[in-house]
Amino acid sequence: MVTFIIKNFWKTIIFIVGLIITILGIIMLFTPGQGILTIIFGLGILATEFIWAKHLNQKLKEYLKKKGKDIQSHFKKN
């Protein structure tokens, strides 16, 4: 019983911290700061306990890599 309570308490703490950091990253997209990096960091924290966050983090990283390659190829053409 105690282990169950501690595990759920820890999962709740991870959720709150990861969510706050992710929200701060979203805010930083519109204000000065490292928004995308903060979002990835927040999702990384959430991914330690939640599968959905891990999948979302992987999709975001793949998307950013693809966009980075598109931008590189655009500048190499010009």
PDB file of N, CA and C in Angstrom:
ATOM      1  N   MET A   1       0.821  -1.200   0.000  1.00  0.00           N
ATOM      2  CA  MET A   1       0.000   0.000   0.000  1.00  0.00           C
ATOM      3  C   MET A   1       0.864   1.264   0.000  1.00  0.00           C
ATOM      4  N   VAL A   2       1.881   1.268   0.831  1.00  0.00           N
ATOM      5  CA  VAL A   2       2.756   2.432   0.919  1.00  0.00           C
ATOM      6  C   VAL A   2       3.505   2.625  -0.393  1.00  0.00           C
ATOM      7  N   THR A   3       3.951   1.528  -1.009  1.00  0.00           N
ATOM      8  CA  THR A   3       4.659   1.604  -2.284  1.00  0.00           C
ATOM      9  C   THR A   3       3.760   2.200  -3.368  1.00  0.00           C
ATOM     10  N   PHE A   4       2.503   1.804  -3.372  1.00  0.00           N
ATOM     11  CA  PHE A   4       1.539   2.333  -4.333  1.00  0.00           C
ATOM     12  C   PHE A   4       1.364   3.838  -4.163  1.00  0.00           C
ATOM     13  N   ILE A   5       1.264   4.291  -2.939  1.00  0.00           N
ATOM     14  CA  ILE A   5       1.093   5.716  -2.653  1.00  0.00           C
ATOM     15  C   ILE A   5       2.330   6.496  -3.071  1.00  0.00           C
ATOM     16  N   ILE A   6       3.509   5.980  -2.755  1.00  0.00           N
ATOM     17  CA  ILE A   6       4.751   6.664  -3.118  1.00  0.00           C
ATOM     18  C   ILE A   6       4.901   6.725  -4.631  1.00  0.00           C
ATOM     19  N   LYS A   7       4.593   5.618  -5.311  1.00  0.00           N
ATOM     20  CA  LYS A   7       4.716   5.588  -6.769  1.00  0.00           C
ATOM     21  C   LYS A   7       3.768   6.595  -7.413  1.00  0.00           C
ATOM     22  N   ASN A   8       2.522   6.652  -6.954  1.00  0.00           N
ATOM     23  CA  ASN A   8       1.567   7.606  -7.518  1.00  0.00           C
ATOM     24  C   ASN A   8       1.933   9.042  -7.176  1.00  0.00           C
ATOM     25  N   PHE A   9       2.482   9.269  -5.976  1.00  0.00           N
ATOM     26  CA  PHE A   9       2.934  10.607  -5.601  1.00  0.00           C
ATOM     27  C   PHE A   9       4.067  11.039  -6.521  1.00  0.00           C
ATOM     28  N   TRP A  10       5.030  10.144  -6.761  1.00  0.00           N
ATOM     29  CA  TRP A  10       6.164  10.451  -7.636  1.00  0.00           C
ATOM     30  C   TRP A  10       5.686  10.739  -9.061  1.00  0.00           C
ATOM     31  N   LYS A  11       4.743   9.921  -9.546  1.00  0.00           N
ATOM     32  CA  LYS A  11       4.208  10.110 -10.890  1.00  0.00           C
ATOM     33  C   LYS A  11       3.503  11.470 -10.997  1.00  0.00           C
ATOM     34  N   THR A  12       2.812  11.872  -9.963  1.00  0.00           N
ATOM     35  CA  THR A  12       2.137  13.165  -9.940  1.00  0.00           C
ATOM     36  C   THR A  12       3.151  14.308  -9.959  1.00  0.00           C
ATOM     37  N   ILE A  13       4.232  14.180  -9.191  1.00  0.00           N
ATOM     38  CA  ILE A  13       5.280  15.207  -9.165  1.00  0.00           C
ATOM     39  C   ILE A  13       5.922  15.333 -10.544  1.00  0.00           C
ATOM     40  N   ILE A  14       6.244  14.204 -11.174  1.00  0.00           N
ATOM     41  CA  ILE A  14       6.832  14.209 -12.521  1.00  0.00           C
ATOM     42  C   ILE A  14       5.876  14.886 -13.496  1.00  0.00           C
ATOM     43  N   PHE A  15       4.590  14.573 -13.395  1.00  0.00           N
ATOM     44  CA  PHE A  15       3.600  15.167 -14.288  1.00  0.00           C
ATOM     45  C   PHE A  15       3.541  16.683 -14.122  1.00  0.00           C
ATOM     46  N   ILE A  16       3.500  17.149 -12.896  1.00  0.00           N
ATOM     47  CA  ILE A  16       3.403  18.593 -12.633  1.00  0.00           C
ATOM     48  C   ILE A  16       4.647  19.321 -13.131  1.00  0.00           C
ATOM     49  N   VAL A  17       5.826  18.814 -12.794  1.00  0.00           N
ATOM     50  CA  VAL A  17       7.074  19.467 -13.204  1.00  0.00           C
ATOM     51  C   VAL A  17       7.202  19.461 -14.727  1.00  0.00           C
ATOM     52  N   GLY A  18       6.968  18.313 -15.354  1.00  0.00           N
ATOM     53  CA  GLY A  18       7.066  18.218 -16.811  1.00  0.00           C
ATOM     54  C   GLY A  18       6.062  19.112 -17.515  1.00  0.00           C
ATOM     55  N   LEU A  19       4.852  19.180 -16.983  1.00  0.00           N
ATOM     56  CA  LEU A  19       3.814  20.011 -17.580  1.00  0.00           C
ATOM     57  C   LEU A  19       4.166  21.494 -17.464  1.00  0.00           C
ATOM     58  N   ILE A  20       4.653  21.907 -16.304  1.00  0.00           N
ATOM     59  CA  ILE A  20       5.039  23.311 -16.124  1.00  0.00           C
ATOM     60  C   ILE A  20       6.158  23.692 -17.083  1.00  0.00           C
ATOM     61  N   ILE A  21       7.173  22.846 -17.208  1.00  0.00           N
ATOM     62  CA  ILE A  21       8.286  23.152 -18.113  1.00  0.00           C
ATOM     63  C   ILE A  21       7.821  23.176 -19.565  1.00  0.00           C
ATOM     64  N   THR A  22       6.941  22.257 -19.938  1.00  0.00           N
ATOM     65  CA  THR A  22       6.421  22.239 -21.303  1.00  0.00           C
ATOM     66  C   THR A  22       5.591  23.490 -21.585  1.00  0.00           C
ATOM     67  N   ILE A  23       4.765  23.891 -20.643  1.00  0.00           N
ATOM     68  CA  ILE A  23       3.967  25.109 -20.813  1.00  0.00           C
ATOM     69  C   ILE A  23       4.864  26.338 -20.915  1.00  0.00           C
ATOM     70  N   LEU A  24       5.914  26.389 -20.092  1.00  0.00           N
ATOM     71  CA  LEU A  24       6.866  27.496 -20.189  1.00  0.00           C
ATOM     72  C   LEU A  24       7.523  27.527 -21.570  1.00  0.00           C
ATOM     73  N   GLY A  25       7.822  26.366 -22.119  1.00  0.00           N
ATOM     74  CA  GLY A  25       8.388  26.296 -23.465  1.00  0.00           C
ATOM     75  C   GLY A  25       7.424  26.826 -24.515  1.00  0.00           C
ATOM     76  N   ILE A  26       6.150  26.500 -24.368  1.00  0.00           N
ATOM     77  CA  ILE A  26       5.147  27.007 -25.308  1.00  0.00           C
ATOM     78  C   ILE A  26       5.053  28.531 -25.205  1.00  0.00           C
ATOM     79  N   ILE A  27       5.098  29.045 -23.985  1.00  0.00           N
ATOM     80  CA  ILE A  27       5.086  30.500 -23.797  1.00  0.00           C
ATOM     81  C   ILE A  27       6.318  31.126 -24.441  1.00  0.00           C
ATOM     82  N   MET A  28       7.471  30.447 -24.310  1.00  0.00           N
ATOM     83  CA  MET A  28       8.712  30.978 -24.879  1.00  0.00           C
ATOM     84  C   MET A  28       8.714  30.982 -26.406  1.00  0.00           C
ATOM     85  N   LEU A  29       7.798  30.265 -27.039  1.00  0.00           N
ATOM     86  CA  LEU A  29       7.693  30.341 -28.487  1.00  0.00           C
ATOM     87  C   LEU A  29       7.278  31.748 -28.926  1.00  0.00           C
ATOM     88  N   PHE A  30       6.549  32.448 -28.058  1.00  0.00           N
ATOM     89  CA  PHE A  30       6.044  33.777 -28.374  1.00  0.00           C
ATOM     90  C   PHE A  30       6.788  34.892 -27.655  1.00  0.00           C
ATOM     91  N   THR A  31       7.647  34.523 -26.729  1.00  0.00           N
ATOM     92  CA  THR A  31       8.454  35.492 -25.990  1.00  0.00           C
ATOM     93  C   THR A  31       9.922  35.082 -26.129  1.00  0.00           C
ATOM     94  N   PRO A  32      10.845  35.932 -25.713  1.00  0.00           N
ATOM     95  CA  PRO A  32      12.261  35.564 -25.818  1.00  0.00           C
ATOM     96  C   PRO A  32      12.590  34.327 -24.971  1.00  0.00           C
ATOM     97  N   GLY A  33      13.333  33.421 -25.547  1.00  0.00           N
ATOM     98  CA  GLY A  33      13.741  32.216 -24.835  1.00  0.00           C
ATOM     99  C   GLY A  33      13.890  31.042 -25.782  1.00  0.00           C
ATOM    100  N   GLN A  34      14.361  29.953 -25.252  1.00  0.00           N
ATOM    101  CA  GLN A  34      14.577  28.731 -26.030  1.00  0.00           C
ATOM    102  C   GLN A  34      13.329  27.852 -25.953  1.00  0.00           C
ATOM    103  N   GLY A  35      12.279  28.236 -26.674  1.00  0.00           N
ATOM    104  CA  GLY A  35      10.988  27.562 -26.582  1.00  0.00           C
ATOM    105  C   GLY A  35      11.008  26.104 -26.982  1.00  0.00           C
ATOM    106  N   ILE A  36      11.529  25.796 -28.152  1.00  0.00           N
ATOM    107  CA  ILE A  36      11.502  24.414 -28.646  1.00  0.00           C
ATOM    108  C   ILE A  36      12.362  23.518 -27.763  1.00  0.00           C
ATOM    109  N   LEU A  37      13.516  24.001 -27.368  1.00  0.00           N
ATOM    110  CA  LEU A  37      14.391  23.226 -26.497  1.00  0.00           C
ATOM    111  C   LEU A  37      13.722  22.956 -25.146  1.00  0.00           C
ATOM    112  N   THR A  38      13.026  23.939 -24.614  1.00  0.00           N
ATOM    113  CA  THR A  38      12.338  23.774 -23.331  1.00  0.00           C
ATOM    114  C   THR A  38      11.181  22.794 -23.456  1.00  0.00           C
ATOM    115  N   ILE A  39      10.468  22.832 -24.573  1.00  0.00           N
ATOM    116  CA  ILE A  39       9.378  21.881 -24.796  1.00  0.00           C
ATOM    117  C   ILE A  39       9.928  20.461 -24.853  1.00  0.00           C
ATOM    118  N   ILE A  40      11.016  20.265 -25.581  1.00  0.00           N
ATOM    119  CA  ILE A  40      11.631  18.937 -25.668  1.00  0.00           C
ATOM    120  C   ILE A  40      12.092  18.473 -24.284  1.00  0.00           C
ATOM    121  N   PHE A  41      12.661  19.381 -23.510  1.00  0.00           N
ATOM    122  CA  PHE A  41      13.107  19.041 -22.155  1.00  0.00           C
ATOM    123  C   PHE A  41      11.914  18.656 -21.268  1.00  0.00           C
ATOM    124  N   GLY A  42      10.838  19.429 -21.341  1.00  0.00           N
ATOM    125  CA  GLY A  42       9.634  19.121 -20.560  1.00  0.00           C
ATOM    126  C   GLY A  42       9.018  17.786 -20.945  1.00  0.00           C
ATOM    127  N   LEU A  43       8.962  17.522 -22.246  1.00  0.00           N
ATOM    128  CA  LEU A  43       8.438  16.235 -22.701  1.00  0.00           C
ATOM    129  C   LEU A  43       9.365  15.095 -22.298  1.00  0.00           C
ATOM    130  N   GLY A  44      10.668  15.378 -22.255  1.00  0.00           N
ATOM    131  CA  GLY A  44      11.618  14.366 -21.793  1.00  0.00           C
ATOM    132  C   GLY A  44      11.373  13.991 -20.340  1.00  0.00           C
ATOM    133  N   ILE A  45      11.052  14.969 -19.528  1.00  0.00           N
ATOM    134  CA  ILE A  45      10.721  14.695 -18.123  1.00  0.00           C
ATOM    135  C   ILE A  45       9.441  13.874 -18.053  1.00  0.00           C
ATOM    136  N   LEU A  46       8.434  14.278 -18.806  1.00  0.00           N
ATOM    137  CA  LEU A  46       7.171  13.528 -18.815  1.00  0.00           C
ATOM    138  C   LEU A  46       7.367  12.114 -19.353  1.00  0.00           C
ATOM    139  N   ALA A  47       8.291  11.946 -20.291  1.00  0.00           N
ATOM    140  CA  ALA A  47       8.519  10.631 -20.913  1.00  0.00           C
ATOM    141  C   ALA A  47       9.106   9.620 -19.945  1.00  0.00           C
ATOM    142  N   THR A  48       9.648  10.080 -18.821  1.00  0.00           N
ATOM    143  CA  THR A  48      10.175   9.126 -17.850  1.00  0.00           C
ATOM    144  C   THR A  48       9.059   8.312 -17.199  1.00  0.00           C
ATOM    145  N   GLU A  49       7.829   8.825 -17.237  1.00  0.00           N
ATOM    146  CA  GLU A  49       6.710   8.129 -16.608  1.00  0.00           C
ATOM    147  C   GLU A  49       5.539   7.842 -17.545  1.00  0.00           C
ATOM    148  N   PHE A  50       5.464   8.548 -18.673  1.00  0.00           N
ATOM    149  CA  PHE A  50       4.293   8.439 -19.541  1.00  0.00           C
ATOM    150  C   PHE A  50       4.713   8.084 -20.964  1.00  0.00           C
ATOM    151  N   ILE A  51       4.116   7.031 -21.500  1.00  0.00           N
ATOM    152  CA  ILE A  51       4.420   6.554 -22.851  1.00  0.00           C
ATOM    153  C   ILE A  51       3.989   7.582 -23.894  1.00  0.00           C
ATOM    154  N   TRP A  52       2.842   8.221 -23.703  1.00  0.00           N
ATOM    155  CA  TRP A  52       2.342   9.189 -24.684  1.00  0.00           C
ATOM    156  C   TRP A  52       3.326  10.344 -24.854  1.00  0.00           C
ATOM    157  N   ALA A  53       3.969  10.750 -23.770  1.00  0.00           N
ATOM    158  CA  ALA A  53       4.937  11.851 -23.855  1.00  0.00           C
ATOM    159  C   ALA A  53       6.180  11.406 -24.616  1.00  0.00           C
ATOM    160  N   LYS A  54       6.568  10.150 -24.439  1.00  0.00           N
ATOM    161  CA  LYS A  54       7.728   9.632 -25.160  1.00  0.00           C
ATOM    162  C   LYS A  54       7.465   9.625 -26.665  1.00  0.00           C
ATOM    163  N   HIS A  55       6.281   9.181 -27.067  1.00  0.00           N
ATOM    164  CA  HIS A  55       5.932   9.157 -28.484  1.00  0.00           C
ATOM    165  C   HIS A  55       5.847  10.578 -29.057  1.00  0.00           C
ATOM    166  N   LEU A  56       5.250  11.485 -28.292  1.00  0.00           N
ATOM    167  CA  LEU A  56       5.139  12.870 -28.739  1.00  0.00           C
ATOM    168  C   LEU A  56       6.515  13.514 -28.876  1.00  0.00           C
ATOM    169  N   ASN A  57       7.396  13.231 -27.943  1.00  0.00           N
ATOM    170  CA  ASN A  57       8.755  13.766 -27.982  1.00  0.00           C
ATOM    171  C   ASN A  57       9.498  13.237 -29.210  1.00  0.00           C
ATOM    172  N   GLN A  58       9.357  11.949 -29.507  1.00  0.00           N
ATOM    173  CA  GLN A  58      10.007  11.367 -30.682  1.00  0.00           C
ATOM    174  C   GLN A  58       9.472  11.980 -31.971  1.00  0.00           C
ATOM    175  N   LYS A  59       8.159  12.173 -32.062  1.00  0.00           N
ATOM    176  CA  LYS A  59       7.570  12.777 -33.256  1.00  0.00           C
ATOM    177  C   LYS A  59       8.062  14.212 -33.439  1.00  0.00           C
ATOM    178  N   LEU A  60       8.153  14.961 -32.352  1.00  0.00           N
ATOM    179  CA  LEU A  60       8.631  16.339 -32.431  1.00  0.00           C
ATOM    180  C   LEU A  60      10.084  16.382 -32.894  1.00  0.00           C
ATOM    181  N   LYS A  61      10.926  15.504 -32.359  1.00  0.00           N
ATOM    182  CA  LYS A  61      12.333  15.470 -32.768  1.00  0.00           C
ATOM    183  C   LYS A  61      12.472  15.089 -34.249  1.00  0.00           C
ATOM    184  N   GLU A  62      11.696  14.095 -34.701  1.00  0.00           N
ATOM    185  CA  GLU A  62      11.744  13.695 -36.111  1.00  0.00           C
ATOM    186  C   GLU A  62      11.297  14.838 -37.014  1.00  0.00           C
ATOM    187  N   TYR A  63      10.249  15.543 -36.609  1.00  0.00           N
ATOM    188  CA  TYR A  63       9.753  16.676 -37.388  1.00  0.00           C
ATOM    189  C   TYR A  63      10.814  17.770 -37.487  1.00  0.00           C
ATOM    190  N   LEU A  64      11.454  18.070 -36.374  1.00  0.00           N
ATOM    191  CA  LEU A  64      12.470  19.121 -36.377  1.00  0.00           C
ATOM    192  C   LEU A  64      13.689  18.725 -37.205  1.00  0.00           C
ATOM    193  N   LYS A  65      14.080  17.446 -37.161  1.00  0.00           N
ATOM    194  CA  LYS A  65      15.191  16.985 -37.996  1.00  0.00           C
ATOM    195  C   LYS A  65      14.849  17.133 -39.475  1.00  0.00           C
ATOM    196  N   LYS A  66      13.623  16.765 -39.844  1.00  0.00           N
ATOM    197  CA  LYS A  66      13.192  16.867 -41.237  1.00  0.00           C
ATOM    198  C   LYS A  66      13.191  18.325 -41.684  1.00  0.00           C
ATOM    199  N   LYS A  67      12.670  19.198 -40.856  1.00  0.00           N
ATOM    200  CA  LYS A  67      12.644  20.622 -41.211  1.00  0.00           C
ATOM    201  C   LYS A  67      14.058  21.189 -41.302  1.00  0.00           C
ATOM    202  N   GLY A  68      14.939  20.745 -40.426  1.00  0.00           N
ATOM    203  CA  GLY A  68      16.335  21.184 -40.482  1.00  0.00           C
ATOM    204  C   GLY A  68      17.005  20.773 -41.771  1.00  0.00           C
ATOM    205  N   LYS A  69      16.749  19.541 -42.216  1.00  0.00           N
ATOM    206  CA  LYS A  69      17.315  19.077 -43.482  1.00  0.00           C
ATOM    207  C   LYS A  69      16.725  19.838 -44.659  1.00  0.00           C
ATOM    208  N   ASP A  70      15.413  20.159 -44.586  1.00  0.00           N
ATOM    209  CA  ASP A  70      14.787  20.942 -45.646  1.00  0.00           C
ATOM    210  C   ASP A  70      15.425  22.328 -45.749  1.00  0.00           C
ATOM    211  N   ILE A  71      15.679  22.934 -44.614  1.00  0.00           N
ATOM    212  CA  ILE A  71      16.292  24.265 -44.594  1.00  0.00           C
ATOM    213  C   ILE A  71      17.718  24.197 -45.136  1.00  0.00           C
ATOM    214  N   GLN A  72      18.474  23.173 -44.730  1.00  0.00           N
ATOM    215  CA  GLN A  72      19.844  23.014 -45.238  1.00  0.00           C
ATOM    216  C   GLN A  72      19.854  22.854 -46.748  1.00  0.00           C
ATOM    217  N   SER A  73      18.972  22.007 -47.264  1.00  0.00           N
ATOM    218  CA  SER A  73      18.941  21.778 -48.709  1.00  0.00           C
ATOM    219  C   SER A  73      18.519  23.038 -49.452  1.00  0.00           C
ATOM    220  N   HIS A  74      17.660  23.835 -48.857  1.00  0.00           N
ATOM    221  CA  HIS A  74      17.226  25.089 -49.479  1.00  0.00           C
ATOM    222  C   HIS A  74      18.406  26.044 -49.626  1.00  0.00           C
ATOM    223  N   PHE A  75      19.228  26.163 -48.590  1.00  0.00           N
ATOM    224  CA  PHE A  75      20.366  27.073 -48.646  1.00  0.00           C
ATOM    225  C   PHE A  75      21.496  26.537 -49.523  1.00  0.00           C
ATOM    226  N   LYS A  76      21.611  25.226 -49.658  1.00  0.00           N
ATOM    227  CA  LYS A  76      22.650  24.670 -50.538  1.00  0.00           C
ATOM    228  C   LYS A  76      22.300  24.914 -51.999  1.00  0.00           C
ATOM    229  N   LYS A  77      21.008  24.986 -52.328  1.00  0.00           N
ATOM    230  CA  LYS A  77      20.590  25.238 -53.699  1.00  0.00           C
ATOM    231  C   LYS A  77      20.913  26.651 -54.116  1.00  0.00           C
ATOM    232  N   ASN A  78      20.812  27.590 -53.171  1.00  0.00           N
ATOM    233  CA  ASN A  78      21.023  29.011 -53.513  1.00  0.00           C
ATOM    234  C   ASN A  78      22.438  29.383 -53.400  1.00  0.00           C
TER     235      ASN A  78
END
